[in-house]
C-alpha atoms as a PDB file:
ATOM      1  CA  MET A   1     -15.942  62.374 313.121  1.00  0.00           C
ATOM      2  CA  ARG A   2     -16.988  59.161 311.455  1.00  0.00           C
ATOM      3  CA  ILE A   3     -15.802  58.567 307.886  1.00  0.00           C
ATOM      4  CA  THR A   4     -17.616  55.850 305.994  1.00  0.00           C
ATOM      5  CA  ASN A   5     -16.823  54.119 302.745  1.00  0.00           C
ATOM      6  CA  ASN A   6     -19.898  55.660 301.128  1.00  0.00           C
ATOM      7  CA  GLY A   7     -18.621  59.166 301.962  1.00  0.00           C
ATOM      8  CA  LEU A   8     -15.217  58.440 300.456  1.00  0.00           C
ATOM      9  CA  GLN A   9     -16.834  57.085 297.332  1.00  0.00           C
ATOM     10  CA  ARG A  10     -19.051  60.174 296.932  1.00  0.00           C
ATOM     11  CA  GLU A  11     -16.055  62.499 297.353  1.00  0.00           C
ATOM     12  CA  ALA A  12     -13.989  60.544 294.838  1.00  0.00           C
ATOM     13  CA  LEU A  13     -16.888  60.536 292.382  1.00  0.00           C
ATOM     14  CA  ALA A  14     -17.358  64.327 292.742  1.00  0.00           C
ATOM     15  CA  ASN A  15     -13.626  64.891 292.122  1.00  0.00           C
ATOM     16  CA  CYS A  16     -13.812  62.745 289.001  1.00  0.00           C
ATOM     17  CA  GLN A  17     -16.821  64.647 287.731  1.00  0.00           C
ATOM     18  CA  ARG A  18     -15.096  68.016 288.296  1.00  0.00           C
ATOM     19  CA  GLY A  19     -12.010  66.754 286.474  1.00  0.00           C
ATOM     20  CA  LEU A  20     -14.102  65.522 283.553  1.00  0.00           C
ATOM     21  CA  ALA A  21     -15.911  68.871 283.406  1.00  0.00           C
ATOM     22  CA  GLU A  22     -12.582  70.752 283.293  1.00  0.00           C
ATOM     23  CA  ILE A  23     -11.326  68.421 280.567  1.00  0.00           C
ATOM     24  CA  ASP A  24     -14.486  69.056 278.548  1.00  0.00           C
ATOM     25  CA  GLU A  25     -14.067  72.818 278.984  1.00  0.00           C
ATOM     26  CA  ILE A  26     -10.425  72.680 277.862  1.00  0.00           C
ATOM     27  CA  ARG A  27     -11.396  70.499 274.913  1.00  0.00           C
ATOM     28  CA  GLU A  28     -14.046  73.059 273.843  1.00  0.00           C
ATOM     29  CA  ARG A  29     -11.568  75.913 274.186  1.00  0.00           C
ATOM     30  CA  VAL A  30      -9.064  74.096 272.002  1.00  0.00           C
ATOM     31  CA  ALA A  31     -11.699  73.177 269.420  1.00  0.00           C
ATOM     32  CA  SER A  32     -13.279  76.658 269.250  1.00  0.00           C
ATOM     33  CA  GLY A  33     -10.086  78.662 269.716  1.00  0.00           C
ATOM     34  CA  THR A  34     -11.796  80.883 272.305  1.00  0.00           C
ATOM     35  CA  ARG A  35     -10.974  81.184 275.942  1.00  0.00           C
ATOM     36  CA  ILE A  36     -14.034  83.184 276.960  1.00  0.00           C
ATOM     37  CA  ARG A  37     -17.374  81.735 275.887  1.00  0.00           C
ATOM     38  CA  GLN A  38     -19.473  83.816 278.262  1.00  0.00           C
ATOM     39  CA  PRO A  39     -18.759  86.874 280.455  1.00  0.00           C
ATOM     40  CA  SER A  40     -18.795  84.801 283.639  1.00  0.00           C
ATOM     41  CA  ASP A  41     -15.700  82.883 282.443  1.00  0.00           C
ATOM     42  CA  ASP A  42     -13.527  85.990 282.993  1.00  0.00           C
ATOM     43  CA  PRO A  43     -15.423  89.269 283.626  1.00  0.00           C
ATOM     44  CA  ILE A  44     -12.351  91.510 283.270  1.00  0.00           C
ATOM     45  CA  ALA A  45     -11.171  89.894 280.045  1.00  0.00           C
ATOM     46  CA  ALA A  46     -14.749  89.816 278.745  1.00  0.00           C
ATOM     47  CA  GLY A  47     -14.964  93.592 279.207  1.00  0.00           C
ATOM     48  CA  ALA A  48     -11.749  94.086 277.262  1.00  0.00           C
ATOM     49  CA  VAL A  49     -13.068  91.847 274.492  1.00  0.00           C
ATOM     50  CA  LEU A  50     -16.300  93.829 274.237  1.00  0.00           C
ATOM     51  CA  ARG A  51     -14.395  97.132 274.065  1.00  0.00           C
ATOM     52  CA  THR A  52     -12.094  95.788 271.354  1.00  0.00           C
ATOM     53  CA  ASP A  53     -15.040  94.451 269.410  1.00  0.00           C
ATOM     54  CA  GLY A  54     -16.658  97.883 269.579  1.00  0.00           C
ATOM     55  CA  ARG A  55     -13.497  99.509 268.224  1.00  0.00           C
ATOM     56  CA  LEU A  56     -13.321  96.993 265.371  1.00  0.00           C
ATOM     57  CA  ARG A  57     -16.932  97.687 264.434  1.00  0.00           C
ATOM     58  CA  ALA A  58     -16.210 101.423 264.505  1.00  0.00           C
ATOM     59  CA  LEU A  59     -13.189 100.969 262.225  1.00  0.00           C
ATOM     60  CA  GLU A  60     -15.313  98.992 259.792  1.00  0.00           C
ATOM     61  CA  GLN A  61     -17.898 101.776 259.796  1.00  0.00           C
ATOM     62  CA  TYR A  62     -15.164 104.359 259.185  1.00  0.00           C
ATOM     63  CA  ARG A  63     -13.978 102.279 256.239  1.00  0.00           C
ATOM     64  CA  ARG A  64     -17.481 102.200 254.779  1.00  0.00           C
ATOM     65  CA  ASN A  65     -17.778 105.967 255.310  1.00  0.00           C
ATOM     66  CA  ILE A  66     -14.476 106.543 253.514  1.00  0.00           C
ATOM     67  CA  ASP A  67     -15.502 104.331 250.604  1.00  0.00           C
ATOM     68  CA  ALA A  68     -18.787 106.224 250.232  1.00  0.00           C
ATOM     69  CA  ALA A  69     -17.023 109.590 250.427  1.00  0.00           C
ATOM     70  CA  ARG A  70     -14.440 108.551 247.834  1.00  0.00           C
ATOM     71  CA  VAL A  71     -17.210 107.635 245.394  1.00  0.00           C
ATOM     72  CA  ARG A  72     -18.877 111.011 245.962  1.00  0.00           C
ATOM     73  CA  ALA A  73     -15.586 112.877 245.549  1.00  0.00           C
ATOM     74  CA  SER A  74     -14.939 110.993 242.319  1.00  0.00           C
ATOM     75  CA  ALA A  75     -18.409 111.922 241.048  1.00  0.00           C
ATOM     76  CA  GLU A  76     -17.749 115.593 241.805  1.00  0.00           C
ATOM     77  CA  GLU A  77     -14.383 115.451 240.059  1.00  0.00           C
ATOM     78  CA  ASN A  78     -16.057 114.052 236.959  1.00  0.00           C
ATOM     79  CA  VAL A  79     -18.546 116.938 236.981  1.00  0.00           C
ATOM     80  CA  LEU A  80     -15.760 119.499 237.409  1.00  0.00           C
ATOM     81  CA  GLU A  81     -13.894 118.040 234.447  1.00  0.00           C
ATOM     82  CA  GLN A  82     -17.021 118.390 232.312  1.00  0.00           C
ATOM     83  CA  LEU A  83     -17.494 121.975 233.508  1.00  0.00           C
ATOM     84  CA  THR A  84     -13.916 122.694 232.484  1.00  0.00           C
ATOM     85  CA  GLY A  85     -14.659 121.530 228.954  1.00  0.00           C
ATOM     86  CA  LEU A  86     -17.892 123.535 228.785  1.00  0.00           C
ATOM     87  CA  LEU A  87     -16.202 126.728 229.947  1.00  0.00           C
ATOM     88  CA  THR A  88     -13.382 126.169 227.479  1.00  0.00           C
ATOM     89  CA  ARG A  89     -15.912 125.995 224.655  1.00  0.00           C
ATOM     90  CA  ALA A  90     -17.783 129.037 225.976  1.00  0.00           C
ATOM     91  CA  ARG A  91     -14.585 131.059 225.949  1.00  0.00           C
ATOM     92  CA  GLU A  92     -13.815 129.992 222.403  1.00  0.00           C
ATOM     93  CA  LEU A  93     -17.258 131.200 221.326  1.00  0.00           C
ATOM     94  CA  ALA A  94     -16.879 134.492 223.192  1.00  0.00           C
ATOM     95  CA  VAL A  95     -13.444 135.210 221.739  1.00  0.00           C
ATOM     96  CA  GLY A  96     -14.663 134.350 218.255  1.00  0.00           C
ATOM     97  CA  GLN A  97     -17.560 136.807 218.546  1.00  0.00           C
ATOM     98  CA  ALA A  98     -15.620 139.618 220.216  1.00  0.00           C
ATOM     99  CA  ASP A  99     -13.840 140.928 217.131  1.00  0.00           C
ATOM    100  CA  ALA A 100     -15.047 143.212 214.348  1.00  0.00           C
ATOM    101  CA  THR A 101     -15.739 140.343 211.945  1.00  0.00           C
ATOM    102  CA  ALA A 102     -18.660 139.088 214.043  1.00  0.00           C
ATOM    103  CA  THR A 103     -22.139 139.747 212.735  1.00  0.00           C
ATOM    104  CA  ALA A 104     -25.588 139.570 214.219  1.00  0.00           C
ATOM    105  CA  GLU A 105     -26.117 136.222 212.490  1.00  0.00           C
ATOM    106  CA  THR A 106     -22.917 134.639 213.803  1.00  0.00           C
ATOM    107  CA  ARG A 107     -23.644 135.899 217.297  1.00  0.00           C
ATOM    108  CA  ALA A 108     -27.158 134.498 217.158  1.00  0.00           C
ATOM    109  CA  ALA A 109     -25.745 131.089 216.230  1.00  0.00           C
ATOM    110  CA  ALA A 110     -23.149 131.371 219.014  1.00  0.00           C
ATOM    111  CA  ARG A 111     -25.874 132.338 221.488  1.00  0.00           C
ATOM    112  CA  ARG A 112     -27.817 129.177 220.684  1.00  0.00           C
ATOM    113  CA  GLU A 113     -24.739 127.076 221.424  1.00  0.00           C
ATOM    114  CA  VAL A 114     -24.070 129.003 224.642  1.00  0.00           C
ATOM    115  CA  ASP A 115     -27.669 128.312 225.705  1.00  0.00           C
ATOM    116  CA  GLU A 116     -27.014 124.619 225.081  1.00  0.00           C
ATOM    117  CA  LEU A 117     -23.884 124.838 227.216  1.00  0.00           C
ATOM    118  CA  LEU A 118     -25.904 126.494 229.973  1.00  0.00           C
ATOM    119  CA  ALA A 119     -28.532 123.764 229.788  1.00  0.00           C
ATOM    120  CA  THR A 120     -25.776 121.155 230.149  1.00  0.00           C
ATOM    121  CA  VAL A 121     -24.396 122.999 233.165  1.00  0.00           C
ATOM    122  CA  VAL A 122     -27.852 122.939 234.766  1.00  0.00           C
ATOM    123  CA  GLN A 123     -28.101 119.212 234.086  1.00  0.00           C
ATOM    124  CA  LEU A 124     -24.748 118.690 235.794  1.00  0.00           C
ATOM    125  CA  GLY A 125     -25.963 120.753 238.739  1.00  0.00           C
ATOM    126  CA  ASN A 126     -28.939 118.401 239.006  1.00  0.00           C
ATOM    127  CA  THR A 127     -26.793 115.275 238.895  1.00  0.00           C
ATOM    128  CA  ARG A 128     -28.463 112.436 240.782  1.00  0.00           C
ATOM    129  CA  PHE A 129     -26.280 110.153 242.863  1.00  0.00           C
ATOM    130  CA  GLN A 130     -27.482 107.085 244.719  1.00  0.00           C
ATOM    131  CA  GLY A 131     -31.078 108.269 244.844  1.00  0.00           C
ATOM    132  CA  SER A 132     -30.416 111.906 245.786  1.00  0.00           C
ATOM    133  CA  TYR A 133     -29.021 115.066 244.203  1.00  0.00           C
ATOM    134  CA  LEU A 134     -25.236 115.205 244.472  1.00  0.00           C
ATOM    135  CA  PHE A 135     -25.129 119.003 244.784  1.00  0.00           C
ATOM    136  CA  GLY A 136     -28.369 119.418 246.720  1.00  0.00           C
ATOM    137  CA  GLY A 137     -26.617 120.228 249.989  1.00  0.00           C
ATOM    138  CA  ALA A 138     -28.914 119.945 252.981  1.00  0.00           C
ATOM    139  CA  PHE A 139     -31.894 119.452 250.619  1.00  0.00           C
ATOM    140  CA  ALA A 140     -30.520 116.542 248.620  1.00  0.00           C
ATOM    141  CA  ASP A 141     -34.035 115.278 247.865  1.00  0.00           C
ATOM    142  CA  ALA A 142     -34.989 118.474 245.975  1.00  0.00           C
ATOM    143  CA  GLU A 143     -33.732 119.497 242.520  1.00  0.00           C
ATOM    144  CA  PRO A 144     -31.108 122.232 243.123  1.00  0.00           C
ATOM    145  CA  PHE A 145     -31.638 124.231 239.891  1.00  0.00           C
ATOM    146  CA  ASP A 146     -34.537 124.950 237.581  1.00  0.00           C
ATOM    147  CA  ALA A 147     -34.275 125.116 233.776  1.00  0.00           C
ATOM    148  CA  THR A 148     -32.912 128.679 233.913  1.00  0.00           C
ATOM    149  CA  GLY A 149     -30.228 127.870 236.481  1.00  0.00           C
ATOM    150  CA  ALA A 150     -32.044 129.569 239.363  1.00  0.00           C
ATOM    151  CA  THR A 151     -32.261 128.035 242.843  1.00  0.00           C
ATOM    152  CA  ASP A 152     -35.272 127.672 245.099  1.00  0.00           C
ATOM    153  CA  PRO A 153     -34.929 130.030 248.112  1.00  0.00           C
ATOM    154  CA  ALA A 154     -36.907 127.515 250.176  1.00  0.00           C
ATOM    155  CA  HIS A 155     -34.482 124.699 249.289  1.00  0.00           C
ATOM    156  CA  PRO A 156     -31.092 126.272 248.554  1.00  0.00           C
ATOM    157  CA  PRO A 157     -28.306 123.859 247.509  1.00  0.00           C
ATOM    158  CA  VAL A 158     -26.247 124.708 250.579  1.00  0.00           C
ATOM    159  CA  GLY A 159     -24.762 122.376 253.150  1.00  0.00           C
ATOM    160  CA  ASP A 160     -21.733 120.131 253.439  1.00  0.00           C
ATOM    161  CA  TYR A 161     -21.880 116.373 253.153  1.00  0.00           C
ATOM    162  CA  ARG A 162     -19.409 115.259 255.796  1.00  0.00           C
ATOM    163  CA  VAL A 163     -18.330 111.789 256.831  1.00  0.00           C
ATOM    164  CA  GLU A 164     -16.626 110.612 259.995  1.00  0.00           C
ATOM    165  CA  VAL A 165     -13.306 108.993 259.080  1.00  0.00           C
ATOM    166  CA  ALA A 166     -12.048 108.649 262.654  1.00  0.00           C
ATOM    167  CA  ALA A 167     -13.310 109.328 266.148  1.00  0.00           C
ATOM    168  CA  GLY A 168     -14.483 112.941 266.133  1.00  0.00           C
ATOM    169  CA  GLN A 169     -12.841 113.656 262.754  1.00  0.00           C
ATOM    170  CA  LEU A 170     -15.212 114.784 259.983  1.00  0.00           C
ATOM    171  CA  VAL A 171     -14.145 115.297 256.366  1.00  0.00           C
ATOM    172  CA  ARG A 172     -16.198 117.038 253.682  1.00  0.00           C
ATOM    173  CA  ALA A 173     -16.848 114.608 250.839  1.00  0.00           C
ATOM    174  CA  HIS A 174     -17.678 117.172 248.152  1.00  0.00           C
ATOM    175  CA  HIS A 175     -18.832 120.747 247.564  1.00  0.00           C
ATOM    176  CA  ASP A 176     -22.451 121.819 247.426  1.00  0.00           C
ATOM    177  CA  GLY A 177     -24.268 123.288 244.431  1.00  0.00           C
ATOM    178  CA  GLN A 178     -24.040 126.850 245.716  1.00  0.00           C
ATOM    179  CA  THR A 179     -20.242 126.653 245.764  1.00  0.00           C
ATOM    180  CA  VAL A 180     -19.737 124.842 242.460  1.00  0.00           C
ATOM    181  CA  PHE A 181     -22.332 126.516 240.246  1.00  0.00           C
ATOM    182  CA  VAL A 182     -23.333 129.825 241.837  1.00  0.00           C
ATOM    183  CA  ASP A 183     -20.411 131.186 243.840  1.00  0.00           C
ATOM    184  CA  SER A 184     -18.000 130.156 241.081  1.00  0.00           C
ATOM    185  CA  GLY A 185     -19.893 132.329 238.620  1.00  0.00           C
ATOM    186  CA  ILE A 186     -20.398 129.582 236.032  1.00  0.00           C
ATOM    187  CA  ILE A 187     -24.129 130.066 235.547  1.00  0.00           C
ATOM    188  CA  SER A 188     -24.025 133.858 235.663  1.00  0.00           C
ATOM    189  CA  ALA A 189     -21.069 134.014 233.229  1.00  0.00           C
ATOM    190  CA  LEU A 190     -22.894 131.904 230.642  1.00  0.00           C
ATOM    191  CA  GLN A 191     -26.099 133.862 231.159  1.00  0.00           C
ATOM    192  CA  ASP A 192     -24.248 137.159 230.653  1.00  0.00           C
ATOM    193  CA  LEU A 193     -22.531 135.822 227.541  1.00  0.00           C
ATOM    194  CA  SER A 194     -25.857 134.630 226.112  1.00  0.00           C
ATOM    195  CA  ALA A 195     -27.476 138.008 226.782  1.00  0.00           C
ATOM    196  CA  ALA A 196     -24.577 139.918 225.205  1.00  0.00           C
ATOM    197  CA  LEU A 197     -24.651 137.748 222.090  1.00  0.00           C
ATOM    198  CA  ASP A 198     -28.426 138.108 221.814  1.00  0.00           C
ATOM    199  CA  ALA A 199     -28.129 141.919 222.065  1.00  0.00           C
ATOM    200  CA  ASP A 200     -25.225 141.990 219.570  1.00  0.00           C
ATOM    201  CA  ASP A 201     -23.298 143.906 222.240  1.00  0.00           C
ATOM    202  CA  ASP A 202     -19.541 144.140 221.550  1.00  0.00           C
ATOM    203  CA  ALA A 203     -18.660 145.444 225.014  1.00  0.00           C
ATOM    204  CA  GLY A 204     -20.877 142.862 226.690  1.00  0.00           C
ATOM    205  CA  VAL A 205     -19.259 139.989 224.827  1.00  0.00           C
ATOM    206  CA  LYS A 206     -15.766 141.197 225.787  1.00  0.00           C
ATOM    207  CA  ALA A 207     -16.832 141.568 229.414  1.00  0.00           C
ATOM    208  CA  ALA A 208     -18.265 138.059 229.344  1.00  0.00           C
ATOM    209  CA  ILE A 209     -14.840 136.690 228.375  1.00  0.00           C
ATOM    210  CA  SER A 210     -13.440 137.930 231.675  1.00  0.00           C
ATOM    211  CA  ALA A 211     -16.371 136.421 233.567  1.00  0.00           C
ATOM    212  CA  VAL A 212     -15.855 133.054 231.866  1.00  0.00           C
ATOM    213  CA  ASP A 213     -12.146 133.178 232.748  1.00  0.00           C
ATOM    214  CA  ASP A 214     -12.992 133.893 236.380  1.00  0.00           C
ATOM    215  CA  ALA A 215     -15.431 130.977 236.427  1.00  0.00           C
ATOM    216  CA  PHE A 216     -12.800 128.726 234.876  1.00  0.00           C
ATOM    217  CA  GLY A 217     -10.312 129.722 237.581  1.00  0.00           C
ATOM    218  CA  ALA A 218     -12.884 129.002 240.268  1.00  0.00           C
ATOM    219  CA  VAL A 219     -13.476 125.524 238.833  1.00  0.00           C
ATOM    220  CA  GLN A 220      -9.737 124.846 238.801  1.00  0.00           C
ATOM    221  CA  THR A 221      -9.517 125.935 242.426  1.00  0.00           C
ATOM    222  CA  LEU A 222     -12.311 123.535 243.364  1.00  0.00           C
ATOM    223  CA  THR A 223     -10.577 120.781 241.410  1.00  0.00           C
ATOM    224  CA  GLY A 224      -7.330 121.514 243.247  1.00  0.00           C
ATOM    225  CA  GLU A 225      -9.097 121.063 246.583  1.00  0.00           C
ATOM    226  CA  ILE A 226     -10.020 117.495 245.693  1.00  0.00           C
ATOM    227  CA  GLY A 227      -6.386 116.331 245.874  1.00  0.00           C
ATOM    228  CA  PRO A 228      -5.920 117.129 249.590  1.00  0.00           C
ATOM    229  CA  ARG A 229      -9.344 115.652 250.300  1.00  0.00           C
ATOM    230  CA  TRP A 230      -8.343 112.379 248.614  1.00  0.00           C
ATOM    231  CA  MET A 231      -5.349 112.233 250.962  1.00  0.00           C
ATOM    232  CA  TRP A 232      -7.734 112.166 253.924  1.00  0.00           C
ATOM    233  CA  LEU A 233      -9.977 109.617 252.242  1.00  0.00           C
ATOM    234  CA  ARG A 234      -7.185 107.054 252.088  1.00  0.00           C
ATOM    235  CA  PRO A 235      -6.094 104.446 254.637  1.00  0.00           C
ATOM    236  CA  THR A 236      -3.711 105.899 257.187  1.00  0.00           C
ATOM    237  CA  SER A 237      -0.918 103.542 256.154  1.00  0.00           C
ATOM    238  CA  ARG A 238      -0.976 105.039 252.662  1.00  0.00           C
ATOM    239  CA  ARG A 239      -0.805 108.695 253.627  1.00  0.00           C
ATOM    240  CA  GLY A 240       2.348 110.689 253.198  1.00  0.00           C
ATOM    241  CA  THR A 241       3.067 109.864 249.562  1.00  0.00           C
ATOM    242  CA  SER A 242       5.019 112.565 247.762  1.00  0.00           C
ATOM    243  CA  ILE A 243       3.114 112.427 244.465  1.00  0.00           C
ATOM    244  CA  CYS A 244      -0.631 112.657 243.938  1.00  0.00           C
ATOM    245  CA  VAL A 245      -1.730 110.859 240.763  1.00  0.00           C
ATOM    246  CA  ARG A 246      -4.853 112.224 239.084  1.00  0.00           C
ATOM    247  CA  SER A 247      -6.007 113.704 235.807  1.00  0.00           C
ATOM    248  CA  ALA A 248      -5.164 117.284 234.902  1.00  0.00           C
ATOM    249  CA  ARG A 249      -6.412 119.693 232.269  1.00  0.00           C
ATOM    250  CA  THR A 250      -4.708 122.685 230.702  1.00  0.00           C
ATOM    251  CA  SER A 251      -6.268 126.111 231.090  1.00  0.00           C
ATOM    252  CA  PRO A 252      -7.747 127.459 227.846  1.00  0.00           C
ATOM    253  CA  THR A 253      -5.827 130.695 228.435  1.00  0.00           C
ATOM    254  CA  SER A 254      -2.458 129.020 228.964  1.00  0.00           C
ATOM    255  CA  LYS A 255       0.167 129.231 226.250  1.00  0.00           C
ATOM    256  CA  SER A 256       2.339 126.382 225.129  1.00  0.00           C
ATOM    257  CA  ARG A 257       5.693 126.420 226.819  1.00  0.00           C
ATOM    258  CA  LYS A 258       8.900 124.543 226.239  1.00  0.00           C
ATOM    259  CA  ARG A 259       8.993 121.292 228.145  1.00  0.00           C
ATOM    260  CA  SER A 260      11.755 120.705 230.592  1.00  0.00           C
ATOM    261  CA  PRO A 261      13.978 117.796 229.533  1.00  0.00           C
ATOM    262  CA  ALA A 262      13.527 116.003 232.835  1.00  0.00           C
ATOM    263  CA  TRP A 263      12.127 116.216 236.319  1.00  0.00           C
ATOM    264  CA  SER A 264      13.832 119.137 238.073  1.00  0.00           C
ATOM    265  CA  LYS A 265      16.219 118.082 240.804  1.00  0.00           C
ATOM    266  CA  ASP A 266      16.255 121.560 242.372  1.00  0.00           C
ATOM    267  CA  TYR A 267      12.497 121.966 242.535  1.00  0.00           C
ATOM    268  CA  VAL A 268      11.652 124.531 245.222  1.00  0.00           C
ATOM    269  CA  VAL A 269       8.225 125.899 246.115  1.00  0.00           C
ATOM    270  CA  ASP A 270       8.348 129.379 247.632  1.00  0.00           C
ATOM    271  CA  LEU A 271       5.279 129.978 249.786  1.00  0.00           C
ATOM    272  CA  GLY A 272       4.273 133.447 250.837  1.00  0.00           C
ATOM    273  CA  ASP A 273       3.229 134.319 254.357  1.00  0.00           C
ATOM    274  CA  ALA A 274      -0.389 134.462 253.193  1.00  0.00           C
ATOM    275  CA  ASP A 275      -0.192 130.920 251.818  1.00  0.00           C
ATOM    276  CA  VAL A 276       1.231 129.564 255.065  1.00  0.00           C
ATOM    277  CA  ALA A 277      -1.214 131.480 257.241  1.00  0.00           C
ATOM    278  CA  GLY A 278      -4.142 130.508 255.026  1.00  0.00           C
ATOM    279  CA  LEU A 279      -3.490 126.860 255.789  1.00  0.00           C
ATOM    280  CA  GLY A 280      -3.242 127.511 259.504  1.00  0.00           C
ATOM    281  CA  ALA A 281       0.424 126.496 259.592  1.00  0.00           C
ATOM    282  CA  ALA A 282       2.894 128.046 261.984  1.00  0.00           C
ATOM    283  CA  THR A 283       5.913 127.484 259.735  1.00  0.00           C
ATOM    284  CA  PRO A 284       6.542 126.168 256.196  1.00  0.00           C
ATOM    285  CA  ALA A 285       7.842 122.986 257.824  1.00  0.00           C
ATOM    286  CA  ASP A 286       4.207 122.080 258.596  1.00  0.00           C
ATOM    287  CA  ILE A 287       3.363 122.053 254.870  1.00  0.00           C
ATOM    288  CA  LEU A 288       3.492 119.035 252.555  1.00  0.00           C
ATOM    289  CA  VAL A 289       3.955 119.743 248.835  1.00  0.00           C
ATOM    290  CA  LEU A 290       2.456 117.385 246.243  1.00  0.00           C
ATOM    291  CA  SER A 291       2.953 117.502 242.484  1.00  0.00           C
ATOM    292  CA  ILE A 292       0.143 116.421 240.146  1.00  0.00           C
ATOM    293  CA  VAL A 293       1.173 113.610 237.806  1.00  0.00           C
ATOM    294  CA  THR A 294      -0.765 112.823 234.632  1.00  0.00           C
ATOM    295  CA  LEU A 295      -0.561 109.211 233.495  1.00  0.00           C
ATOM    296  CA  PRO A 296      -0.380 108.549 229.737  1.00  0.00           C
ATOM    297  CA  ALA A 297      -3.532 107.628 227.868  1.00  0.00           C
ATOM    298  CA  THR A 298      -1.674 104.983 225.880  1.00  0.00           C
ATOM    299  CA  ALA A 299       1.206 102.699 226.735  1.00  0.00           C
ATOM    300  CA  GLY A 300       4.596 104.047 225.727  1.00  0.00           C
ATOM    301  CA  ASP A 301       3.700 107.722 226.122  1.00  0.00           C
ATOM    302  CA  PRO A 302       5.568 109.622 228.863  1.00  0.00           C
ATOM    303  CA  CYS A 303       4.090 110.646 232.171  1.00  0.00           C
ATOM    304  CA  THR A 304       4.022 114.378 232.858  1.00  0.00           C
ATOM    305  CA  VAL A 305       4.156 116.331 236.100  1.00  0.00           C
ATOM    306  CA  ASN A 306       2.696 119.756 236.851  1.00  0.00           C
ATOM    307  CA  LEU A 307       5.541 121.685 238.485  1.00  0.00           C
ATOM    308  CA  GLN A 308       3.842 125.038 238.022  1.00  0.00           C
ATOM    309  CA  GLY A 309       0.719 124.273 240.045  1.00  0.00           C
ATOM    310  CA  PRO A 310       1.602 122.063 243.041  1.00  0.00           C
ATOM    311  CA  LEU A 311      -0.747 121.219 245.885  1.00  0.00           C
ATOM    312  CA  VAL A 312       0.259 122.447 249.322  1.00  0.00           C
ATOM    313  CA  MET A 313      -1.291 120.679 252.287  1.00  0.00           C
ATOM    314  CA  HIS A 314      -1.418 120.975 256.045  1.00  0.00           C
ATOM    315  CA  LEU A 315      -2.184 117.368 256.943  1.00  0.00           C
ATOM    316  CA  ALA A 316      -2.615 118.040 260.631  1.00  0.00           C
ATOM    317  CA  ARG A 317      -5.648 120.223 259.877  1.00  0.00           C
ATOM    318  CA  GLY A 318      -6.843 118.479 256.722  1.00  0.00           C
ATOM    319  CA  GLN A 319      -6.563 121.654 254.629  1.00  0.00           C
ATOM    320  CA  GLY A 320      -4.917 122.279 251.305  1.00  0.00           C
ATOM    321  CA  ARG A 321      -4.903 124.435 248.195  1.00  0.00           C
ATOM    322  CA  GLN A 322      -3.277 124.683 244.803  1.00  0.00           C
ATOM    323  CA  VAL A 323      -0.685 127.410 244.206  1.00  0.00           C
ATOM    324  CA  VAL A 324       0.670 128.736 240.926  1.00  0.00           C
ATOM    325  CA  LEU A 325       4.415 129.369 240.673  1.00  0.00           C
ATOM    326  CA  ASN A 326       5.806 132.166 238.517  1.00  0.00           C
ATOM    327  CA  GLU A 327       9.151 130.531 237.742  1.00  0.00           C
ATOM    328  CA  PRO A 328       9.374 130.159 233.933  1.00  0.00           C
ATOM    329  CA  GLU A 329      11.347 126.932 234.131  1.00  0.00           C
ATOM    330  CA  TYR A 330       8.448 125.141 235.808  1.00  0.00           C
ATOM    331  CA  GLY A 331       5.867 123.956 233.273  1.00  0.00           C
ATOM    332  CA  VAL A 332       2.485 122.300 233.653  1.00  0.00           C
ATOM    333  CA  ARG A 333       3.393 119.187 231.639  1.00  0.00           C
ATOM    334  CA  CYS A 334       7.033 118.400 232.322  1.00  0.00           C
ATOM    335  CA  PRO A 335       8.092 114.879 231.254  1.00  0.00           C
ATOM    336  CA  LEU A 336       8.525 112.511 234.172  1.00  0.00           C
ATOM    337  CA  ASP A 337      10.382 109.236 233.871  1.00  0.00           C
ATOM    338  CA  LEU A 338       8.606 106.507 235.847  1.00  0.00           C
ATOM    339  CA  PRO A 339       9.485 102.837 235.537  1.00  0.00           C
ATOM    340  CA  ALA A 340       6.887 100.687 233.779  1.00  0.00           C
ATOM    341  CA  SER A 341       4.225 103.370 233.573  1.00  0.00           C
ATOM    342  CA  THR A 342       0.750 102.039 232.887  1.00  0.00           C
ATOM    343  CA  PRO A 343      -2.059 103.639 230.875  1.00  0.00           C
ATOM    344  CA  ALA A 344      -4.579 105.681 232.836  1.00  0.00           C
ATOM    345  CA  THR A 345      -7.995 104.151 233.298  1.00  0.00           C
END
C-alpha cells in the first residue's frame, strides 16, 4: 500500500477539523449549560428529559388548578358567611313575632323584611364568578334561581366543580346551588316564615323557627366542610398542620359560656363509631383532628380557639366533617395564647 504525503496531510487535516468541531461543541455546552441540544446527541437521556419536562408541566397545571379552586372555595365561604348572617336575622324576626305581643301589623312589617332577606338569598344563589354562575353546577351559564327562589327543571343547579390536584386525584372546589340553597332548606324556611307572618299564623311562625334553625345548622355543616377541603388545596409540603386558621361565627341559638382561662392541655376528642365509619376510617388513628382558630380583628386582642366544634379529617381519603363535643369545659371561643398574633385580614 502506497502512502503519499498528500494522504497524510488530508488525514491530519481531518483530525484537526474533528478536534475543532468537538471543541466548539464543548464550548457551546459550557456557554448554554445544556448537554443535550437535540435528541440525536443522546437519545436515552433525551427521552428522560422529555418525560421530566412533561411532569413539570403537569405540576404547573396542578398548581394553577389548585389556585383556581382556592379562589372558588373562598368565594363560597364568603357566601356561606352572608347566609349565616341572614338566617340569624330571620330567626330574630321569627322569635320576635312568635309571642302573644305580636300583632298583624308587626308581623306584616316583619314579613316585608323576611321577603328582603329571601331576595338577598336568591341574589347570593345567582352569584356570578369569572363569567359564570358560581352555584350553577353543570349549567354554570344559566341563572340557577328565579326571583321566587325556584330552579329551572331543565337547568338544575346540580353538579360538582372538581379540579385535578394530582395524577388521578380530583377534589371538589365548592358545593352546587342545590346543596347550598335547596337541600339545606334555606329558601323553603324563609318562604314558610314569610307565609306564616302574612297569614298571622302563630303556629306557623313557631314552626318556621325550627326550620330556620335547621337551615342554619346545614349552613354550618357546609362551612365546616370547607376546612378539610382547604387542606387538600394546599401544597403538599404544608399539609399536616395541627391548627386550621379561618373565620368562625357563633350560632344564634348558642348561649354565652364561661371562657376557659387557657388552652386545655388535656384536650381529648371522643369519636363515636359512626363518626369513624362515616369518614371511611378503620381506626381512630387514621383521623386527624383540627381546631378552628379565630384571629383577632384588632392588634392586641386575644386569639380564640373553638374546642367544642373541631374538624375531624381522614386525609388519605380527602374527607372530613365538623363534630360537636358535649363536654361543658370546651367552649367555642377559648382564649389561645399565640406569640405575636396579627390582625385578621
